[in-house]
């Protein structure tokens, strides 16, 4: 019940944040209404980072402890990370077309590193706009010097942070549900494995019982 409530709160938060970003926050002076896509795009990218980070940590924990619960967390994080990465790429393309004039630009470092995204690649993706020059804008509030003094107006920052928080609630709900499903899949697989072992043992016992016992003459001959 609490997990379902988390999902409901997360969904309501996404709807509220979307309404705030669409109807309360004014259009950007330079980018117009296309800038509103950033709220979903940035939130999706953040959760893609988080998902693959969780996958990497859970994978290392599984290799260390051999606990299938860590494996279930890694599976959940990987699948949800792929979904949010797709959202982030789609949002970036929809934003890039009216702002940059193209859906995709291979010369841009963040686009290219995102296309090659893996757990070890997350820091490269995040800092690519600071290390190399390209079409992609720099961080608005992500760098340490901009956390307390963001380059965007206050309403834009509130809309962005609200969407990130709402998406994070939805991510938490999806992670829990996918983890639970992975546990069920593991239990079904384990039950099937034990069933096959039990069937093989019964078959071996049946074959042993079907072999006739040696007669008294054969015993005497021995």
Protein backbone atom coordinates (compact mmCIF):
# COMPACT_ATOMS: atom_id res chain seq x y z
CA UNK A 1 0.00 0.00 0.00
CA UNK A 2 2.83 2.40 0.85
CA UNK A 3 4.56 1.63 -2.44
CA UNK A 4 1.36 2.36 -4.35
CA UNK A 5 0.98 5.60 -2.42
CA UNK A 6 4.51 6.54 -3.41
CA UNK A 7 3.61 6.00 -7.06
CA UNK A 8 0.46 8.09 -6.75
CA UNK A 9 2.36 10.93 -5.05
CA UNK A 10 5.08 10.78 -7.69
CA UNK A 11 2.58 10.89 -10.55
CA UNK A 12 0.70 13.77 -8.94
CA UNK A 13 4.02 15.56 -8.47
CA UNK A 14 4.90 15.15 -12.15
CA UNK A 15 1.50 16.54 -13.18
CA UNK A 16 1.83 19.49 -10.78
CA UNK A 17 5.40 20.24 -11.87
CA UNK A 18 4.41 20.02 -15.54
CA UNK A 19 1.49 22.40 -14.97
CA UNK A 20 3.78 24.82 -13.14
CA UNK A 21 6.37 24.70 -15.92
CA UNK A 22 3.77 25.12 -18.67
CA UNK A 23 1.38 27.69 -17.24
CA UNK A 24 3.17 29.57 -14.44
CA UNK A 25 6.76 29.96 -15.60
CA UNK A 26 7.04 32.46 -18.49
CA UNK A 27 8.62 31.53 -21.79
CA UNK A 28 12.37 32.03 -22.06
CA UNK A 29 13.40 35.28 -23.75
CA UNK A 30 15.83 33.58 -26.13
CA UNK A 31 14.52 30.03 -26.54
CA UNK A 32 10.79 30.65 -26.20
CA UNK A 33 8.49 27.79 -25.26
CA UNK A 34 11.08 25.22 -26.40
CA UNK A 35 12.91 25.85 -23.13
CA UNK A 36 10.09 24.15 -21.22
CA UNK A 37 11.29 20.80 -22.57
CA UNK A 38 14.36 21.25 -20.36
CA UNK A 39 12.38 20.46 -17.23
CA UNK A 40 11.68 16.92 -18.43
CA UNK A 41 15.01 16.55 -20.21
CA UNK A 42 17.16 17.45 -17.19
CA UNK A 43 15.08 15.35 -14.79
CA UNK A 44 15.36 12.34 -17.12
CA UNK A 45 19.12 12.80 -17.47
CA UNK A 46 19.58 13.03 -13.69
CA UNK A 47 17.67 9.78 -13.16
CA UNK A 48 19.63 8.06 -15.92
CA UNK A 49 22.79 9.00 -14.01
CA UNK A 50 21.28 7.73 -10.76
CA UNK A 51 20.02 4.49 -12.29
CA UNK A 52 23.33 3.47 -13.80
CA UNK A 53 25.18 4.55 -10.67
CA UNK A 54 22.93 2.26 -8.62
CA UNK A 55 23.48 -0.51 -11.17
CA UNK A 56 27.25 -0.19 -10.89
CA UNK A 57 27.25 -0.20 -7.09
CA UNK A 58 24.75 -3.08 -6.85
CA UNK A 59 26.72 -5.07 -9.42
CA UNK A 60 29.94 -4.66 -7.43
CA UNK A 61 28.09 -5.58 -4.22
CA UNK A 62 26.78 -8.75 -5.88
CA UNK A 63 30.25 -9.76 -7.06
CA UNK A 64 31.51 -9.22 -3.52
CA UNK A 65 28.70 -10.81 -1.48
CA UNK A 66 27.03 -13.08 -4.06
CA UNK A 67 23.66 -11.95 -2.74
CA UNK A 68 20.93 -12.17 -5.38
CA UNK A 69 19.16 -9.19 -3.85
CA UNK A 70 21.96 -6.96 -5.13
CA UNK A 71 21.60 -8.59 -8.53
CA UNK A 72 17.89 -7.72 -8.50
CA UNK A 73 18.70 -4.09 -7.70
CA UNK A 74 21.25 -4.01 -10.54
CA UNK A 75 18.70 -5.40 -12.99
CA UNK A 76 16.10 -2.85 -11.91
CA UNK A 77 18.54 0.04 -12.17
CA UNK A 78 19.78 -1.01 -15.61
CA UNK A 79 16.33 -1.35 -17.16
CA UNK A 80 14.99 1.87 -15.67
CA UNK A 81 18.21 3.67 -16.58
CA UNK A 82 17.77 2.71 -20.23
CA UNK A 83 14.22 4.10 -20.13
CA UNK A 84 15.23 7.44 -18.62
CA UNK A 85 18.22 7.69 -20.98
CA UNK A 86 15.81 7.32 -23.89
CA UNK A 87 13.62 10.06 -22.37
CA UNK A 88 16.64 12.33 -21.95
CA UNK A 89 17.82 11.79 -25.52
CA UNK A 90 14.32 12.31 -26.92
CA UNK A 91 13.83 15.49 -24.88
CA UNK A 92 17.21 16.82 -25.93
CA UNK A 93 16.44 16.17 -29.59
CA UNK A 94 13.05 17.89 -29.35
CA UNK A 95 14.72 20.88 -27.69
CA UNK A 96 17.73 20.93 -30.00
CA UNK A 97 15.76 21.14 -33.23
CA UNK A 98 14.20 24.61 -32.61
CA UNK A 99 17.21 25.94 -30.64
CA UNK A 100 20.18 24.51 -32.56
CA UNK A 101 18.46 23.83 -35.86
CA UNK A 102 19.35 20.10 -35.74
CA UNK A 103 18.06 17.08 -33.84
CA UNK A 104 21.55 15.67 -33.31
CA UNK A 105 25.10 16.94 -33.61
CA UNK A 106 27.89 14.37 -33.28
CA UNK A 107 30.44 17.11 -32.69
CA UNK A 108 28.73 18.01 -29.40
CA UNK A 109 30.54 16.22 -26.53
CA UNK A 110 27.51 15.57 -24.32
CA UNK A 111 25.43 14.08 -27.13
CA UNK A 112 28.25 11.81 -28.21
CA UNK A 113 29.18 10.66 -24.71
CA UNK A 114 25.51 10.03 -23.88
CA UNK A 115 25.24 7.81 -26.95
CA UNK A 116 28.11 5.79 -25.46
CA UNK A 117 26.66 5.87 -21.95
CA UNK A 118 27.81 3.24 -19.44
CA UNK A 119 28.42 3.32 -15.71
CA UNK A 120 32.05 4.43 -16.12
CA UNK A 121 30.93 7.05 -18.66
CA UNK A 122 28.58 8.96 -16.33
CA UNK A 123 31.21 11.44 -15.03
CA UNK A 124 32.41 12.04 -18.60
CA UNK A 125 28.85 12.79 -19.75
CA UNK A 126 28.25 15.16 -16.86
CA UNK A 127 31.48 17.16 -17.17
CA UNK A 128 31.76 17.00 -20.96
CA UNK A 129 30.27 20.49 -21.39
CA UNK A 130 32.98 21.89 -19.13
CA UNK A 131 35.89 19.94 -20.62
CA UNK A 132 35.06 20.44 -24.31
CA UNK A 133 33.27 23.09 -26.31
CA UNK A 134 30.13 22.22 -28.28
CA UNK A 135 26.55 23.23 -28.94
CA UNK A 136 25.32 22.04 -25.54
CA UNK A 137 24.96 24.74 -22.91
CA UNK A 138 26.89 24.60 -19.66
CA UNK A 139 25.37 23.69 -16.29
CA UNK A 140 22.66 26.00 -14.97
CA UNK A 141 22.71 24.92 -11.32
CA UNK A 142 24.84 21.78 -11.38
CA UNK A 143 28.27 23.30 -10.83
CA UNK A 144 29.32 24.23 -7.26
CA UNK A 145 29.54 27.97 -8.00
CA UNK A 146 25.97 28.04 -9.35
CA UNK A 147 24.10 26.08 -6.67
CA UNK A 148 23.41 29.20 -4.59
CA UNK A 149 23.60 31.59 -7.53
CA UNK A 150 22.05 29.87 -10.58
CA UNK A 151 22.26 31.52 -13.98
CA UNK A 152 18.51 31.02 -14.58
CA UNK A 153 15.66 33.08 -13.03
CA UNK A 154 14.08 31.84 -9.81
CA UNK A 155 10.87 30.53 -11.38
CA UNK A 156 12.85 28.49 -13.89
CA UNK A 157 14.93 26.95 -11.12
CA UNK A 158 11.83 26.13 -9.04
CA UNK A 159 10.18 24.46 -12.04
CA UNK A 160 13.33 22.46 -12.77
CA UNK A 161 13.90 21.34 -9.18
CA UNK A 162 10.20 20.46 -8.80
CA UNK A 163 10.28 18.29 -11.90
CA UNK A 164 13.49 16.58 -10.78
CA UNK A 165 11.96 15.86 -7.36
CA UNK A 166 8.74 14.52 -8.89
CA UNK A 167 10.63 12.35 -11.37
CA UNK A 168 12.77 11.02 -8.52
CA UNK A 169 9.64 9.89 -6.66
CA UNK A 170 8.44 8.10 -9.78
CA UNK A 171 11.90 6.57 -10.19
CA UNK A 172 11.79 5.30 -6.60
CA UNK A 173 8.41 3.69 -7.24
CA UNK A 174 9.61 2.04 -10.45
CA UNK A 175 12.79 0.79 -8.77
CA UNK A 176 10.84 -0.82 -5.94
CA UNK A 177 8.35 -2.45 -8.30
CA UNK A 178 11.06 -3.73 -10.65
CA UNK A 179 13.06 -5.03 -7.70
CA UNK A 180 10.01 -6.89 -6.43
CA UNK A 181 9.42 -8.34 -9.89
CA UNK A 182 13.06 -9.43 -10.11
CA UNK A 183 12.71 -11.20 -6.75
CA UNK A 184 9.61 -13.02 -7.98
CA UNK A 185 11.39 -14.01 -11.20
CA UNK A 186 14.33 -15.29 -9.16
CA UNK A 187 12.01 -17.33 -6.88
CA UNK A 188 10.21 -18.83 -9.89
CA UNK A 189 13.54 -19.72 -11.47
CA UNK A 190 14.77 -21.23 -8.20
CA UNK A 191 11.54 -23.21 -7.79
CA UNK A 192 11.88 -24.53 -11.34
CA UNK A 193 15.50 -25.50 -10.73
CA UNK A 194 14.62 -27.38 -7.54
CA UNK A 195 11.73 -29.05 -9.37
CA UNK A 196 14.06 -30.28 -12.12
CA UNK A 197 16.53 -31.60 -9.54
CA UNK A 198 13.72 -33.40 -7.69
CA UNK A 199 12.39 -34.87 -10.94
CA UNK A 200 15.88 -36.09 -11.90
CA UNK A 201 16.27 -37.76 -8.51
CA UNK A 202 12.88 -39.46 -8.81
CA UNK A 203 13.76 -40.67 -12.29
CA UNK A 204 17.07 -42.07 -11.03
CA UNK A 205 15.30 -43.83 -8.15
CA UNK A 206 12.72 -45.28 -10.55
CA UNK A 207 15.45 -46.61 -12.85
CA UNK A 208 17.26 -48.16 -9.89
CA UNK A 209 14.05 -49.82 -8.70
CA UNK A 210 13.32 -51.24 -12.19
CA UNK A 211 16.63 -53.16 -12.32
CA UNK A 212 15.86 -56.83 -11.39
CA UNK A 213 17.59 -58.26 -8.35
CA UNK A 214 20.11 -61.09 -9.05
CA UNK A 215 18.73 -64.66 -8.68
CA UNK A 216 20.05 -67.22 -6.12
CA UNK A 217 21.80 -69.14 -8.94
CA UNK A 218 23.62 -66.02 -10.03
CA UNK A 219 24.59 -65.34 -6.43
CA UNK A 220 25.93 -68.90 -6.08
CA UNK A 221 27.90 -68.59 -9.30
CA UNK A 222 29.56 -65.50 -7.93
